[in-house]
Amino acid sequence: MTRCHLGPWTPASPYWRGDACVSHLWLADDDGWVERADLAARPVCSGAESFLAGTASCRIQLDSPAELKQLFVEYAQTRVLHPVNRSAPTTTNFGTREFAALDLDGNLLEFFRWEERD
């Protein structure tokens, strides 16, 4: 399995770059929407709203069927799998095999790989 070895994060460079991945991060601390009376006319749309923390998700592409299976087994043993995927990874109608897990803040982590097409 390819593991990401990430360098330090700095505010000037809000992402980590590794040999096999790039992880973009941002602070979800925009509380401006809380006091706003005209939410219907001006919906919340900064992308950094405070309510996003714990409700976000990301998709992580894996290289092989063996990686997907190994990671699924590891996550199943730690009981962090999302309820929709607790028995096995699923094959989607758009060509991926995937499963989902939740981190300690409730963020969805979806692991997938593209299936070979005939």
N, C-alpha and C. Protein backbone atom coordinates (compact mmCIF):
# COMPACT_ATOMS: atom_id res chain seq x y z
N MET A 1 0.84 -1.17 0.00
CA MET A 1 0.00 0.00 0.00
C MET A 1 0.89 1.24 0.00
N THR A 2 0.57 2.20 -0.82
CA THR A 2 1.30 3.45 -0.87
C THR A 2 0.86 4.32 0.30
N ARG A 3 1.79 4.71 1.12
CA ARG A 3 1.47 5.59 2.25
C ARG A 3 1.97 7.00 1.92
N CYS A 4 1.27 7.98 2.38
CA CYS A 4 1.67 9.36 2.17
C CYS A 4 2.55 9.79 3.32
N HIS A 5 3.72 10.28 3.00
CA HIS A 5 4.60 10.88 4.00
C HIS A 5 4.53 12.37 3.75
N LEU A 6 3.88 13.08 4.64
CA LEU A 6 3.56 14.47 4.40
C LEU A 6 4.50 15.40 5.14
N GLY A 7 4.85 16.48 4.47
CA GLY A 7 5.69 17.50 5.09
C GLY A 7 4.87 18.40 5.99
N PRO A 8 5.49 19.41 6.57
CA PRO A 8 4.78 20.29 7.50
C PRO A 8 3.76 21.17 6.81
N TRP A 9 2.68 21.47 7.53
CA TRP A 9 1.65 22.38 7.05
C TRP A 9 1.98 23.77 7.58
N THR A 10 1.79 24.78 6.75
CA THR A 10 1.96 26.16 7.19
C THR A 10 0.79 26.97 6.66
N PRO A 11 0.41 28.07 7.33
CA PRO A 11 -0.69 28.89 6.81
C PRO A 11 -0.42 29.42 5.42
N ALA A 12 0.84 29.65 5.08
CA ALA A 12 1.19 30.16 3.75
C ALA A 12 1.02 29.09 2.68
N SER A 13 1.02 27.84 3.08
CA SER A 13 0.90 26.73 2.15
C SER A 13 -0.10 25.74 2.72
N PRO A 14 -1.43 26.01 2.56
CA PRO A 14 -2.45 25.22 3.27
C PRO A 14 -2.73 23.85 2.65
N TYR A 15 -1.72 23.11 2.36
CA TYR A 15 -1.88 21.73 1.92
C TYR A 15 -0.62 20.97 2.26
N TRP A 16 -0.77 19.68 2.39
CA TRP A 16 0.38 18.80 2.56
C TRP A 16 0.60 18.10 1.24
N ARG A 17 1.83 17.95 0.84
CA ARG A 17 2.15 17.23 -0.37
C ARG A 17 3.07 16.06 0.00
N GLY A 18 2.72 14.89 -0.48
CA GLY A 18 3.54 13.71 -0.24
C GLY A 18 3.96 13.09 -1.55
N ASP A 19 4.61 11.96 -1.48
CA ASP A 19 5.05 11.28 -2.69
C ASP A 19 3.88 10.81 -3.54
N ALA A 20 2.77 10.45 -2.88
CA ALA A 20 1.66 9.85 -3.62
C ALA A 20 0.34 10.60 -3.43
N CYS A 21 0.35 11.73 -2.74
CA CYS A 21 -0.92 12.41 -2.53
C CYS A 21 -0.71 13.88 -2.21
N VAL A 22 -1.79 14.61 -2.32
CA VAL A 22 -1.84 16.01 -1.89
C VAL A 22 -3.10 16.16 -1.06
N SER A 23 -2.99 16.76 0.10
CA SER A 23 -4.14 16.96 0.97
C SER A 23 -4.32 18.47 1.17
N HIS A 24 -5.44 19.01 0.70
CA HIS A 24 -5.75 20.42 0.85
C HIS A 24 -6.60 20.62 2.10
N LEU A 25 -6.23 21.59 2.91
CA LEU A 25 -6.94 21.86 4.15
C LEU A 25 -7.36 23.31 4.21
N TRP A 26 -8.44 23.57 4.93
CA TRP A 26 -8.85 24.95 5.18
C TRP A 26 -9.56 25.00 6.52
N LEU A 27 -9.56 26.16 7.12
CA LEU A 27 -10.19 26.36 8.41
C LEU A 27 -11.66 26.69 8.21
N ALA A 28 -12.53 25.95 8.87
CA ALA A 28 -13.98 26.20 8.78
C ALA A 28 -14.38 27.03 9.99
N ASP A 29 -14.09 28.34 9.93
CA ASP A 29 -14.35 29.21 11.09
C ASP A 29 -15.19 30.43 10.75
N ASP A 30 -15.87 30.43 9.61
CA ASP A 30 -16.71 31.56 9.21
C ASP A 30 -18.03 31.49 9.97
N ASP A 31 -18.19 32.36 10.96
CA ASP A 31 -19.42 32.41 11.75
C ASP A 31 -20.35 33.54 11.31
N GLY A 32 -20.03 34.20 10.20
CA GLY A 32 -20.82 35.32 9.72
C GLY A 32 -22.28 34.98 9.46
N TRP A 33 -22.56 33.77 9.16
CA TRP A 33 -23.92 33.34 8.84
C TRP A 33 -24.83 33.31 10.08
N VAL A 34 -24.27 33.19 11.26
CA VAL A 34 -25.07 33.04 12.48
C VAL A 34 -25.96 34.26 12.73
N GLU A 35 -25.42 35.44 12.56
CA GLU A 35 -26.13 36.68 12.86
C GLU A 35 -26.91 37.24 11.67
N ARG A 36 -26.78 36.62 10.52
CA ARG A 36 -27.37 37.18 9.31
C ARG A 36 -28.87 36.93 9.26
N ALA A 37 -29.66 37.98 9.10
CA ALA A 37 -31.12 37.86 9.08
C ALA A 37 -31.65 37.50 7.70
N ASP A 38 -30.85 37.69 6.66
CA ASP A 38 -31.34 37.49 5.30
C ASP A 38 -30.77 36.23 4.65
N LEU A 39 -30.76 35.12 5.36
CA LEU A 39 -30.20 33.87 4.83
C LEU A 39 -30.92 33.39 3.57
N ALA A 40 -32.22 33.62 3.50
CA ALA A 40 -32.97 33.18 2.31
C ALA A 40 -32.53 33.97 1.08
N ALA A 41 -32.31 35.23 1.23
CA ALA A 41 -31.89 36.07 0.10
C ALA A 41 -30.41 35.91 -0.20
N ARG A 42 -29.62 35.70 0.84
CA ARG A 42 -28.17 35.53 0.68
C ARG A 42 -27.73 34.25 1.37
N PRO A 43 -27.81 33.13 0.70
CA PRO A 43 -27.45 31.85 1.32
C PRO A 43 -25.97 31.81 1.72
N VAL A 44 -25.68 30.96 2.66
CA VAL A 44 -24.32 30.76 3.12
C VAL A 44 -23.53 30.10 2.00
N CYS A 45 -22.38 30.67 1.63
CA CYS A 45 -21.63 30.08 0.51
C CYS A 45 -20.14 30.40 0.52
N SER A 46 -19.55 30.66 1.67
CA SER A 46 -18.12 30.98 1.69
C SER A 46 -17.25 29.73 1.52
N GLY A 47 -17.79 28.56 1.88
CA GLY A 47 -17.01 27.32 1.82
C GLY A 47 -16.18 27.10 3.07
N ALA A 48 -16.27 28.02 4.02
CA ALA A 48 -15.51 27.89 5.27
C ALA A 48 -16.42 28.08 6.48
N GLU A 49 -17.70 27.79 6.32
CA GLU A 49 -18.66 27.98 7.40
C GLU A 49 -18.34 27.06 8.57
N SER A 50 -18.56 27.56 9.78
CA SER A 50 -18.22 26.79 10.97
C SER A 50 -19.01 25.49 11.08
N PHE A 51 -20.20 25.43 10.49
CA PHE A 51 -20.99 24.19 10.59
C PHE A 51 -20.45 23.08 9.69
N LEU A 52 -19.48 23.38 8.83
CA LEU A 52 -18.91 22.34 7.97
C LEU A 52 -18.00 21.38 8.74
N ALA A 53 -17.37 21.87 9.81
CA ALA A 53 -16.50 20.99 10.60
C ALA A 53 -17.33 19.83 11.13
N GLY A 54 -16.90 18.62 10.86
CA GLY A 54 -17.64 17.44 11.29
C GLY A 54 -18.71 17.00 10.31
N THR A 55 -18.88 17.71 9.20
CA THR A 55 -19.88 17.32 8.21
C THR A 55 -19.27 17.20 6.82
N ALA A 56 -17.98 17.20 6.73
CA ALA A 56 -17.30 17.17 5.44
C ALA A 56 -16.97 15.74 5.03
N SER A 57 -16.45 15.60 3.83
CA SER A 57 -16.05 14.29 3.36
C SER A 57 -14.92 14.43 2.35
N CYS A 58 -14.25 13.32 2.12
CA CYS A 58 -13.24 13.29 1.07
C CYS A 58 -13.19 11.89 0.49
N ARG A 59 -12.71 11.80 -0.74
CA ARG A 59 -12.54 10.51 -1.41
C ARG A 59 -11.06 10.27 -1.59
N ILE A 60 -10.62 9.06 -1.27
CA ILE A 60 -9.21 8.69 -1.34
C ILE A 60 -9.08 7.52 -2.28
N GLN A 61 -8.33 7.74 -3.38
CA GLN A 61 -8.18 6.69 -4.39
C GLN A 61 -7.05 5.75 -4.00
N LEU A 62 -7.33 4.46 -4.09
CA LEU A 62 -6.34 3.42 -3.82
C LEU A 62 -5.88 2.80 -5.13
N ASP A 63 -4.73 2.14 -5.09
CA ASP A 63 -4.11 1.64 -6.32
C ASP A 63 -4.55 0.25 -6.76
N SER A 64 -4.95 -0.60 -5.82
CA SER A 64 -5.20 -1.99 -6.20
C SER A 64 -6.34 -2.60 -5.40
N PRO A 65 -6.90 -3.71 -5.90
CA PRO A 65 -7.92 -4.42 -5.13
C PRO A 65 -7.38 -4.89 -3.78
N ALA A 66 -6.12 -5.29 -3.73
CA ALA A 66 -5.53 -5.77 -2.48
C ALA A 66 -5.47 -4.64 -1.45
N GLU A 67 -5.13 -3.43 -1.88
CA GLU A 67 -5.11 -2.29 -0.96
C GLU A 67 -6.49 -2.02 -0.38
N LEU A 68 -7.50 -2.05 -1.25
CA LEU A 68 -8.87 -1.79 -0.81
C LEU A 68 -9.30 -2.83 0.22
N LYS A 69 -9.02 -4.10 -0.07
CA LYS A 69 -9.41 -5.18 0.83
C LYS A 69 -8.67 -5.07 2.17
N GLN A 70 -7.37 -4.81 2.11
CA GLN A 70 -6.55 -4.70 3.32
C GLN A 70 -7.03 -3.56 4.21
N LEU A 71 -7.29 -2.41 3.61
CA LEU A 71 -7.75 -1.26 4.38
C LEU A 71 -9.15 -1.49 4.95
N PHE A 72 -10.02 -2.14 4.17
CA PHE A 72 -11.36 -2.45 4.67
C PHE A 72 -11.27 -3.33 5.90
N VAL A 73 -10.47 -4.37 5.86
CA VAL A 73 -10.32 -5.28 7.00
C VAL A 73 -9.78 -4.53 8.21
N GLU A 74 -8.78 -3.69 7.99
CA GLU A 74 -8.19 -2.91 9.08
C GLU A 74 -9.24 -1.98 9.72
N TYR A 75 -10.02 -1.29 8.88
CA TYR A 75 -11.03 -0.37 9.40
C TYR A 75 -12.20 -1.12 10.05
N ALA A 76 -12.53 -2.30 9.53
CA ALA A 76 -13.60 -3.10 10.13
C ALA A 76 -13.21 -3.52 11.54
N GLN A 77 -11.95 -3.86 11.73
CA GLN A 77 -11.48 -4.28 13.05
C GLN A 77 -11.50 -3.13 14.06
N THR A 78 -11.35 -1.90 13.58
CA THR A 78 -11.37 -0.75 14.49
C THR A 78 -12.76 -0.16 14.64
N ARG A 79 -13.75 -0.73 13.93
CA ARG A 79 -15.16 -0.34 14.04
C ARG A 79 -15.43 1.13 13.70
N VAL A 80 -14.78 1.60 12.63
CA VAL A 80 -15.02 2.97 12.18
C VAL A 80 -15.74 3.01 10.83
N LEU A 81 -16.17 1.86 10.34
CA LEU A 81 -16.86 1.83 9.04
C LEU A 81 -18.21 2.53 9.13
N HIS A 82 -18.58 3.19 8.06
CA HIS A 82 -19.90 3.81 7.96
C HIS A 82 -20.94 2.69 7.93
N PRO A 83 -22.11 2.89 8.52
CA PRO A 83 -23.13 1.83 8.56
C PRO A 83 -23.51 1.24 7.20
N VAL A 84 -23.40 1.98 6.12
CA VAL A 84 -23.80 1.44 4.81
C VAL A 84 -22.79 0.44 4.26
N ASN A 85 -21.59 0.35 4.82
CA ASN A 85 -20.54 -0.51 4.28
C ASN A 85 -19.95 -1.49 5.28
N ARG A 86 -20.65 -1.87 6.29
CA ARG A 86 -20.02 -2.68 7.34
C ARG A 86 -19.74 -4.12 6.94
N SER A 87 -20.39 -4.63 5.88
CA SER A 87 -20.16 -6.03 5.53
C SER A 87 -19.10 -6.21 4.45
N ALA A 88 -19.00 -5.27 3.52
CA ALA A 88 -18.03 -5.39 2.43
C ALA A 88 -18.01 -4.10 1.61
N PRO A 89 -16.92 -3.86 0.88
CA PRO A 89 -16.93 -2.75 -0.06
C PRO A 89 -18.01 -2.97 -1.12
N THR A 90 -18.52 -1.90 -1.68
CA THR A 90 -19.57 -2.01 -2.69
C THR A 90 -19.04 -1.63 -4.06
N THR A 91 -19.66 -2.20 -5.08
CA THR A 91 -19.33 -1.84 -6.45
C THR A 91 -20.43 -0.91 -6.95
N THR A 92 -20.02 0.24 -7.45
CA THR A 92 -20.99 1.24 -7.90
C THR A 92 -21.31 1.06 -9.37
N ASN A 93 -22.39 1.69 -9.80
CA ASN A 93 -22.75 1.62 -11.22
C ASN A 93 -21.94 2.59 -12.07
N PHE A 94 -21.06 3.36 -11.46
CA PHE A 94 -20.20 4.26 -12.23
C PHE A 94 -18.74 3.80 -12.25
N GLY A 95 -18.50 2.55 -11.85
CA GLY A 95 -17.19 1.94 -12.08
C GLY A 95 -16.19 1.95 -10.95
N THR A 96 -16.64 2.15 -9.72
CA THR A 96 -15.70 2.08 -8.61
C THR A 96 -16.10 0.97 -7.64
N ARG A 97 -15.12 0.54 -6.89
CA ARG A 97 -15.35 -0.35 -5.74
C ARG A 97 -14.92 0.49 -4.55
N GLU A 98 -15.77 0.60 -3.51
CA GLU A 98 -15.49 1.56 -2.45
C GLU A 98 -16.13 1.18 -1.12
N PHE A 99 -15.63 1.82 -0.07
CA PHE A 99 -16.24 1.74 1.25
C PHE A 99 -16.00 3.06 1.97
N ALA A 100 -16.79 3.30 3.00
CA ALA A 100 -16.70 4.56 3.72
C ALA A 100 -16.47 4.32 5.21
N ALA A 101 -15.78 5.27 5.83
CA ALA A 101 -15.53 5.25 7.27
C ALA A 101 -15.77 6.65 7.81
N LEU A 102 -15.91 6.74 9.12
CA LEU A 102 -16.09 8.04 9.77
C LEU A 102 -14.91 8.30 10.70
N ASP A 103 -14.36 9.53 10.65
CA ASP A 103 -13.32 9.87 11.60
C ASP A 103 -13.95 10.27 12.93
N LEU A 104 -13.14 10.62 13.90
CA LEU A 104 -13.65 10.91 15.24
C LEU A 104 -14.54 12.15 15.30
N ASP A 105 -14.47 13.02 14.28
CA ASP A 105 -15.31 14.21 14.22
C ASP A 105 -16.54 14.01 13.35
N GLY A 106 -16.73 12.80 12.84
CA GLY A 106 -17.89 12.52 12.01
C GLY A 106 -17.70 12.83 10.54
N ASN A 107 -16.49 13.17 10.12
CA ASN A 107 -16.22 13.41 8.71
C ASN A 107 -16.16 12.08 7.96
N LEU A 108 -16.73 12.06 6.76
CA LEU A 108 -16.77 10.85 5.96
C LEU A 108 -15.46 10.70 5.18
N LEU A 109 -14.85 9.55 5.26
CA LEU A 109 -13.67 9.21 4.48
C LEU A 109 -14.07 8.06 3.57
N GLU A 110 -14.04 8.31 2.27
CA GLU A 110 -14.45 7.28 1.32
C GLU A 110 -13.22 6.80 0.56
N PHE A 111 -12.97 5.51 0.61
CA PHE A 111 -11.83 4.89 -0.07
C PHE A 111 -12.36 4.16 -1.29
N PHE A 112 -11.70 4.35 -2.43
CA PHE A 112 -12.20 3.74 -3.66
C PHE A 112 -11.06 3.38 -4.60
N ARG A 113 -11.39 2.55 -5.56
CA ARG A 113 -10.50 2.29 -6.69
C ARG A 113 -11.37 2.10 -7.92
N TRP A 114 -10.83 2.49 -9.05
CA TRP A 114 -11.55 2.28 -10.33
C TRP A 114 -11.46 0.83 -10.70
N GLU A 115 -12.58 0.24 -11.07
CA GLU A 115 -12.62 -1.16 -11.51
C GLU A 115 -12.19 -1.25 -12.97
N GLU A 116 -11.61 -2.38 -13.29
CA GLU A 116 -11.25 -2.63 -14.69
C GLU A 116 -12.50 -2.80 -15.51
N ARG A 117 -12.53 -2.21 -16.67
CA ARG A 117 -13.70 -2.33 -17.57
C ARG A 117 -13.37 -3.29 -18.70
N ASP A 118 -14.38 -4.06 -19.12
CA ASP A 118 -14.18 -5.01 -20.23
C ASP A 118 -14.21 -4.27 -21.55
